[in-house]
Amino acid sequence: MIISRTPLRISFFGGGTDYPNYYEENDQGGEVLSTAIDQYIYITVNRLTAFFEHRIHIGYSKSELVKEVAEIEHPSARCCLQHLGIASGVEIFAMADLPARTGLGSSSAFTVGLLHGLHAFKHELVSNDFLAREAIHIEQKVIGERVGSQDQVVAAIGGLNHIHFNKETTFRVDRLPVCPKRKAFLHSHLMLFFTCISRSANEILGEQEAKVAVNGASLARMREQAREGGEILCDAKHDIRAFGELLHEGWMLKRGLSSRVSNSLIDTAYATAREQGAIGGKLLGAGGGGFLLLFVPPEKQEAVKASLPGLMHVPFGFEEEGTRLIHYAD
C-alpha cells in the first residue's frame, strides 16, 4: 500500500494571473503569493488482486468499480491512469481534512497526490517540480479544466512562495525568506472561516475568462500585490497591518472580476468582521462560497469570531513541505 499526503493552500495575492489565458498573453506574466497549509488530501494506492470481477476500484465521495480505465467517471483519476499507462489491477481511495470545492485547491491537490502515488506504484522516483508540471499538463491540456497553475505548484512544493508564471517556462518558485518569528506573527493575525457553501468554480471562471481584457488593469494590480505582499513579510520594518490592508484592496479588486465572486451572505459577513476589527480578508479560490480568510489583530479575534455565528472557524497552520509519501509497502 502507498499513501501520499498533499497539502491544501491559501492564496493571498495574484489569483487570476496564474491562468494561461492571462500569463501567456502578457509580457510580464503572472505572479501569486500563496502558502501551503497543514490540511491535506490523502491518497491511497494499492494493488487489486484478481479475485474481484472489477479490475479498478476508485473511492472518493462515491465508489466506482469498473473493468476499464475509460469507464471511470472521475476525470482526474481516469486521465492520470491513462497518462501513466496503468490499465488495471489498482484500487485508489481519497480522503480529505476539509471539504472539496471550497477554494483551497483541493482538486489540484488530488491530482498531484494521485500522480505521486501512481508513480510510486510503478516504482518511479519523480521530483516535486516534475509532479507540479505534470499535474498542470493533465488538468489544463488533457482534462481541459478551467484551472490556474498555482494550486498544482503549491500542492507539489509546499511552503510560503512568490510564484512567477510565463509562457516559456510555465513557472518559477521563489521561497520567501521570512524569519520564523515574522511568519508566526503573520499566522497570529489570520483567521479562516468556512461559509458552509461548496460551489463549482466553472461558471465564475467562465465569466472571468471572457472578461480578461476588460479586467486587465485590475489583474495587473493584483499581480503587483504578490510582490508587495512578499516585501511586507520579508522586511520586519513594515507594519504587519499593511498586509491586511493589501488583502482588503485585493478583495475589492477580485469582487469586480465577476458578478458571481461574492454574494449577500459573504458581503455581510465580511462587513461585520471589519466592523469588529478585521483589517482585511478575501474569499479563497474563485469565489461564490468556500472559505473566508480574515486578517485580524489577535486582540480583536474573539469579537470577530462571536460576530460570525453562522460561519465555522477552522484553525490551521503553515506547511513547509509539499506532497510526500507517508507510507510505502510494496
Protein backbone atom coordinates (compact mmCIF):
# COMPACT_ATOMS: atom_id res chain seq x y z
CA MET A 1 0.00 0.00 0.00
CA ILE A 2 1.12 3.52 -0.83
CA ILE A 3 -0.20 6.65 0.89
CA SER A 4 0.55 10.17 -0.32
CA ARG A 5 -0.19 13.28 1.73
CA THR A 6 -0.63 16.54 -0.18
CA PRO A 7 -1.30 19.97 1.36
CA LEU A 8 -4.10 22.36 0.56
CA ARG A 9 -3.28 26.03 0.07
CA ILE A 10 -4.21 29.62 0.84
CA SER A 11 -3.65 32.15 -1.94
CA PHE A 12 -3.01 35.67 -0.64
CA PHE A 13 -2.41 37.71 -3.78
CA GLY A 14 -2.34 37.45 -7.57
CA GLY A 15 -5.02 34.82 -8.09
CA GLY A 16 -6.34 35.07 -11.63
CA THR A 17 -2.96 35.96 -13.10
CA ASP A 18 -1.91 32.30 -12.84
CA TYR A 19 -4.33 31.31 -15.63
CA PRO A 20 -2.73 30.53 -19.01
CA ASN A 21 -5.04 32.88 -20.88
CA TYR A 22 -3.54 35.67 -18.76
CA TYR A 23 0.16 34.90 -18.33
CA GLU A 24 0.65 33.56 -21.84
CA GLU A 25 -0.72 36.78 -23.31
CA ASN A 26 1.07 39.26 -21.02
CA ASP A 27 4.76 40.05 -21.32
CA GLN A 28 5.08 40.40 -17.54
CA GLY A 29 3.41 37.03 -16.97
CA GLY A 30 1.53 36.24 -13.78
CA GLU A 31 2.54 36.28 -10.13
CA VAL A 32 0.97 34.92 -6.96
CA LEU A 33 1.80 34.87 -3.27
CA SER A 34 0.48 31.76 -1.57
CA THR A 35 1.19 29.21 1.13
CA ALA A 36 0.58 25.55 1.78
CA ILE A 37 -1.33 24.77 4.99
CA ASP A 38 -1.47 21.82 7.36
CA GLN A 39 -4.73 20.49 5.96
CA TYR A 40 -4.32 17.63 3.50
CA ILE A 41 -5.59 15.32 0.79
CA TYR A 42 -4.63 11.68 1.41
CA ILE A 43 -4.48 9.24 -1.49
CA THR A 44 -4.00 5.52 -1.01
CA VAL A 45 -2.94 3.34 -3.93
CA ASN A 46 -2.99 -0.43 -3.61
CA ARG A 47 -2.74 -3.46 -5.86
CA LEU A 48 -6.10 -5.05 -6.63
CA THR A 49 -5.96 -8.84 -6.70
CA ALA A 50 -7.54 -10.91 -9.44
CA PHE A 51 -10.25 -12.26 -7.11
CA PHE A 52 -12.66 -9.45 -7.97
CA GLU A 53 -14.81 -9.06 -11.05
CA HIS A 54 -13.92 -5.38 -11.28
CA ARG A 55 -10.31 -4.53 -12.19
CA ILE A 56 -10.22 -0.96 -10.87
CA HIS A 57 -11.72 0.49 -7.71
CA ILE A 58 -11.85 4.27 -7.19
CA GLY A 59 -13.20 5.61 -3.89
CA TYR A 60 -13.87 9.28 -3.14
CA SER A 61 -17.28 10.83 -2.37
CA LYS A 62 -18.62 7.89 -4.39
CA SER A 63 -17.32 4.45 -5.22
CA GLU A 64 -16.52 3.31 -8.76
CA LEU A 65 -16.00 -0.37 -9.61
CA VAL A 66 -15.02 -0.73 -13.26
CA LYS A 67 -13.27 -3.11 -15.63
CA GLU A 68 -11.69 -0.50 -17.93
CA VAL A 69 -9.99 2.85 -17.25
CA ALA A 70 -12.21 4.52 -19.85
CA GLU A 71 -15.26 3.68 -17.73
CA ILE A 72 -14.06 5.81 -14.79
CA GLU A 73 -16.21 8.88 -14.24
CA HIS A 74 -13.75 10.84 -12.10
CA PRO A 75 -11.83 12.88 -14.72
CA SER A 76 -8.56 13.24 -12.81
CA ALA A 77 -8.41 9.57 -11.81
CA ARG A 78 -9.22 8.45 -15.37
CA CYS A 79 -6.70 10.76 -17.04
CA CYS A 80 -3.90 10.09 -14.54
CA LEU A 81 -4.22 6.33 -15.03
CA GLN A 82 -4.30 6.73 -18.82
CA HIS A 83 -1.35 9.12 -18.74
CA LEU A 84 0.78 6.65 -16.77
CA GLY A 85 -0.37 3.59 -18.71
CA ILE A 86 -1.95 1.78 -15.75
CA ALA A 87 -4.77 -0.28 -17.23
CA SER A 88 -5.97 -2.47 -14.35
CA GLY A 89 -5.20 -4.09 -11.02
CA VAL A 90 -5.33 -0.97 -8.86
CA GLU A 91 -7.53 0.49 -6.16
CA ILE A 92 -7.41 4.15 -5.19
CA PHE A 93 -9.03 5.90 -2.24
CA ALA A 94 -9.10 9.62 -1.44
CA MET A 95 -9.69 11.28 1.93
CA ALA A 96 -9.51 14.95 2.87
CA ASP A 97 -9.29 17.04 6.03
CA LEU A 98 -11.58 19.73 4.57
CA PRO A 99 -14.46 19.73 2.04
CA ALA A 100 -13.84 19.87 -1.70
CA ARG A 101 -14.86 22.80 -3.93
CA THR A 102 -14.20 25.37 -1.20
CA GLY A 103 -11.33 27.44 -2.63
CA LEU A 104 -8.36 25.65 -1.07
CA GLY A 105 -7.02 23.98 -4.23
CA SER A 106 -8.30 20.51 -3.34
CA SER A 107 -8.85 19.40 -6.94
CA SER A 108 -5.24 20.05 -7.89
CA ALA A 109 -4.00 18.60 -4.60
CA PHE A 110 -5.92 15.44 -5.52
CA THR A 111 -4.22 15.29 -8.93
CA VAL A 112 -0.75 15.94 -7.52
CA GLY A 113 -1.19 13.39 -4.73
CA LEU A 114 -2.60 10.79 -7.09
CA LEU A 115 0.25 11.21 -9.57
CA HIS A 116 2.73 10.89 -6.71
CA GLY A 117 1.12 7.67 -5.54
CA LEU A 118 0.83 6.19 -9.03
CA HIS A 119 4.46 6.90 -9.88
CA ALA A 120 5.43 5.09 -6.67
CA PHE A 121 3.07 2.27 -7.66
CA LYS A 122 5.19 1.94 -10.83
CA HIS A 123 8.44 2.19 -8.81
CA GLU A 124 9.25 5.56 -10.40
CA LEU A 125 11.07 8.29 -8.49
CA VAL A 126 9.99 11.76 -9.64
CA SER A 127 10.71 15.24 -8.31
CA ASN A 128 8.12 17.54 -6.80
CA ASP A 129 8.80 20.05 -9.57
CA PHE A 130 8.01 17.34 -12.13
CA LEU A 131 4.76 16.48 -10.33
CA ALA A 132 3.65 20.14 -10.44
CA ARG A 133 4.30 20.41 -14.18
CA GLU A 134 2.68 17.04 -14.88
CA ALA A 135 -0.44 17.97 -12.89
CA ILE A 136 -0.72 21.30 -14.74
CA HIS A 137 -0.49 19.47 -18.06
CA ILE A 138 -3.13 16.90 -17.14
CA GLU A 139 -5.63 19.37 -15.70
CA GLN A 140 -5.27 22.05 -18.36
CA LYS A 141 -4.38 20.13 -21.52
CA VAL A 142 -5.76 16.61 -21.02
CA ILE A 143 -8.91 17.17 -18.94
CA GLY A 144 -9.42 20.70 -20.23
CA GLU A 145 -10.37 22.12 -16.83
CA ARG A 146 -10.71 25.86 -16.20
CA VAL A 147 -7.92 25.96 -13.63
CA GLY A 148 -4.91 28.11 -12.96
CA SER A 149 -1.38 26.90 -12.30
CA GLN A 150 -0.66 27.93 -8.72
CA ASP A 151 -2.62 25.17 -6.95
CA GLN A 152 -0.58 22.38 -8.50
CA VAL A 153 2.70 24.14 -7.67
CA VAL A 154 1.83 24.78 -4.02
CA ALA A 155 0.47 21.24 -3.59
CA ALA A 156 3.65 19.75 -5.02
CA ILE A 157 6.26 22.04 -3.48
CA GLY A 158 4.68 23.44 -0.31
CA GLY A 159 5.88 26.45 1.67
CA LEU A 160 5.25 30.18 1.50
CA ASN A 161 6.17 31.31 -2.01
CA HIS A 162 6.18 34.05 -4.58
CA ILE A 163 5.45 32.13 -7.79
CA HIS A 164 6.02 33.55 -11.28
CA PHE A 165 4.28 32.26 -14.42
CA ASN A 166 5.20 32.87 -18.05
CA LYS A 167 4.69 31.23 -21.43
CA GLU A 168 8.28 29.98 -21.75
CA THR A 169 8.97 28.11 -18.50
CA THR A 170 5.46 27.79 -17.03
CA PHE A 171 6.60 28.76 -13.51
CA ARG A 172 9.42 29.76 -11.17
CA VAL A 173 9.16 29.43 -7.39
CA ASP A 174 10.83 31.89 -5.02
CA ARG A 175 10.59 30.66 -1.43
CA LEU A 176 10.09 33.76 0.72
CA PRO A 177 12.96 34.28 3.19
CA VAL A 178 10.66 35.15 6.08
CA CYS A 179 12.14 34.60 9.54
CA PRO A 180 10.21 32.18 11.79
CA LYS A 181 9.23 34.95 14.23
CA ARG A 182 7.79 37.09 11.43
CA LYS A 183 5.93 34.13 9.94
CA ALA A 184 4.45 33.27 13.34
CA PHE A 185 3.40 36.91 13.72
CA LEU A 186 1.62 36.73 10.35
CA HIS A 187 -0.08 33.50 11.35
CA SER A 188 -1.30 35.04 14.61
CA HIS A 189 -3.26 37.60 12.55
CA LEU A 190 -5.01 35.12 10.24
CA MET A 191 -8.42 33.53 10.76
CA LEU A 192 -10.10 31.03 8.43
CA PHE A 193 -13.88 30.60 8.32
CA PHE A 194 -15.97 28.10 6.37
CA THR A 195 -19.06 29.68 4.83
CA CYS A 196 -20.68 26.22 4.60
CA ILE A 197 -21.16 26.84 0.87
CA SER A 198 -19.48 24.47 -1.58
CA ARG A 199 -19.57 25.53 -5.22
CA SER A 200 -18.37 24.70 -8.71
CA ALA A 201 -15.93 27.34 -9.97
CA ASN A 202 -16.66 26.78 -13.67
CA GLU A 203 -19.34 29.43 -14.12
CA ILE A 204 -17.37 32.06 -12.17
CA LEU A 205 -14.17 31.30 -14.07
CA GLY A 206 -16.01 31.27 -17.38
CA GLU A 207 -17.16 34.84 -16.80
CA GLN A 208 -13.67 35.89 -15.66
CA GLU A 209 -12.04 34.36 -18.73
CA ALA A 210 -14.44 36.22 -21.00
CA LYS A 211 -13.54 39.50 -19.26
CA VAL A 212 -9.74 39.18 -19.11
CA ALA A 213 -9.24 42.17 -21.43
CA VAL A 214 -11.84 44.25 -19.57
CA ASN A 215 -10.28 43.35 -16.22
CA GLY A 216 -6.74 43.99 -17.44
CA ALA A 217 -5.98 46.90 -15.09
CA SER A 218 -7.37 45.06 -12.05
CA LEU A 219 -5.40 41.89 -12.83
CA ALA A 220 -2.21 43.89 -13.33
CA ARG A 221 -2.66 45.48 -9.90
CA MET A 222 -3.39 42.07 -8.36
CA ARG A 223 -0.15 40.77 -9.88
CA GLU A 224 1.76 43.68 -8.33
CA GLN A 225 0.23 42.87 -4.94
CA ALA A 226 2.02 39.50 -4.93
CA ARG A 227 5.35 41.34 -4.92
CA GLU A 228 4.22 43.94 -2.41
CA GLY A 229 2.87 41.30 -0.05
CA GLY A 230 6.18 39.47 -0.17
CA GLU A 231 8.10 42.66 0.60
CA ILE A 232 5.89 43.37 3.62
CA LEU A 233 6.54 39.90 5.02
CA CYS A 234 10.28 39.79 4.34
CA ASP A 235 11.10 43.21 5.81
CA ALA A 236 10.22 43.36 9.51
CA LYS A 237 10.35 47.16 9.32
CA HIS A 238 6.95 47.05 7.60
CA ASP A 239 3.92 47.16 9.87
CA ILE A 240 2.25 43.75 9.50
CA ARG A 241 -1.10 45.56 9.33
CA ALA A 242 -0.11 46.65 5.81
CA PHE A 243 -0.53 43.01 4.76
CA GLY A 244 -4.14 43.10 5.93
CA GLU A 245 -4.79 46.39 4.17
CA LEU A 246 -3.37 44.91 0.97
CA LEU A 247 -5.70 41.92 1.36
CA HIS A 248 -8.64 44.30 1.60
CA GLU A 249 -7.60 46.11 -1.55
CA GLY A 250 -7.17 42.78 -3.34
CA TRP A 251 -10.64 41.60 -2.26
CA MET A 252 -12.21 44.78 -3.61
CA LEU A 253 -10.46 44.17 -6.93
CA LYS A 254 -11.40 40.49 -7.00
CA ARG A 255 -15.09 41.26 -6.39
CA GLY A 256 -15.07 43.31 -9.59
CA LEU A 257 -13.77 40.49 -11.78
CA SER A 258 -17.12 38.70 -11.93
CA SER A 259 -20.65 39.27 -10.65
CA ARG A 260 -20.52 35.75 -9.19
CA VAL A 261 -17.43 36.15 -6.96
CA SER A 262 -19.41 37.29 -3.92
CA ASN A 263 -22.98 37.28 -2.65
CA SER A 264 -25.03 38.98 0.05
CA LEU A 265 -24.12 36.41 2.73
CA ILE A 266 -20.39 36.83 2.11
CA ASP A 267 -20.59 40.61 1.80
CA THR A 268 -22.48 40.84 5.10
CA ALA A 269 -20.03 38.53 6.89
CA TYR A 270 -17.04 40.48 5.59
CA ALA A 271 -18.54 43.86 6.54
CA THR A 272 -19.43 42.54 10.00
CA ALA A 273 -15.89 41.25 10.54
CA ARG A 274 -14.48 44.62 9.51
CA GLU A 275 -16.77 46.40 11.96
CA GLN A 276 -15.41 44.14 14.72
CA GLY A 277 -11.76 44.82 13.93
CA ALA A 278 -10.72 42.78 10.89
CA ILE A 279 -8.39 44.82 8.70
CA GLY A 280 -8.84 42.86 5.51
CA GLY A 281 -9.50 39.47 4.02
CA LYS A 282 -10.75 37.64 0.98
CA LEU A 283 -12.81 34.72 -0.20
CA LEU A 284 -10.42 31.98 -1.26
CA GLY A 285 -10.49 30.36 -4.68
CA ALA A 286 -12.72 31.53 -7.50
CA GLY A 287 -15.41 32.80 -5.13
CA GLY A 288 -19.10 32.16 -4.58
CA GLY A 289 -18.56 30.32 -1.29
CA GLY A 290 -15.99 28.15 0.40
CA PHE A 291 -13.53 29.63 2.88
CA LEU A 292 -13.22 33.24 4.01
CA LEU A 293 -9.75 34.34 5.13
CA LEU A 294 -9.59 37.30 7.51
CA PHE A 295 -6.65 39.35 8.77
CA VAL A 296 -7.46 40.26 12.36
CA PRO A 297 -5.25 41.63 15.17
CA PRO A 298 -5.12 38.97 17.93
CA GLU A 299 -6.89 41.17 20.46
CA LYS A 300 -9.88 41.52 18.10
CA GLN A 301 -10.27 37.87 17.15
CA GLU A 302 -12.74 36.80 19.83
CA ALA A 303 -15.04 39.67 18.88
CA VAL A 304 -14.81 38.79 15.18
CA LYS A 305 -15.48 35.11 15.88
CA ALA A 306 -18.51 35.95 18.04
CA SER A 307 -19.92 38.22 15.33
CA LEU A 308 -19.94 35.39 12.75
CA PRO A 309 -22.05 32.64 14.39
CA GLY A 310 -23.17 31.31 11.01
CA LEU A 311 -19.59 30.56 9.91
CA MET A 312 -17.30 27.81 11.14
CA HIS A 313 -13.88 28.88 12.44
CA VAL A 314 -11.17 26.50 11.21
CA PRO A 315 -7.74 26.70 12.86
CA PHE A 316 -4.78 25.99 10.57
CA GLY A 317 -1.01 26.21 10.38
CA PHE A 318 1.53 26.74 7.63
CA GLU A 319 3.09 23.72 5.90
CA GLU A 320 6.67 23.83 4.63
CA GLU A 321 6.57 20.56 2.69
CA GLY A 322 4.68 19.69 -0.45
CA THR A 323 3.31 16.30 -1.40
CA ARG A 324 5.12 13.37 0.14
CA LEU A 325 4.76 9.64 0.59
CA ILE A 326 3.93 8.89 4.21
CA HIS A 327 3.67 5.14 3.70
CA TYR A 328 5.15 2.75 1.17
CA ALA A 329 4.91 -1.04 1.34
CA ASP A 330 5.16 -2.97 -1.92
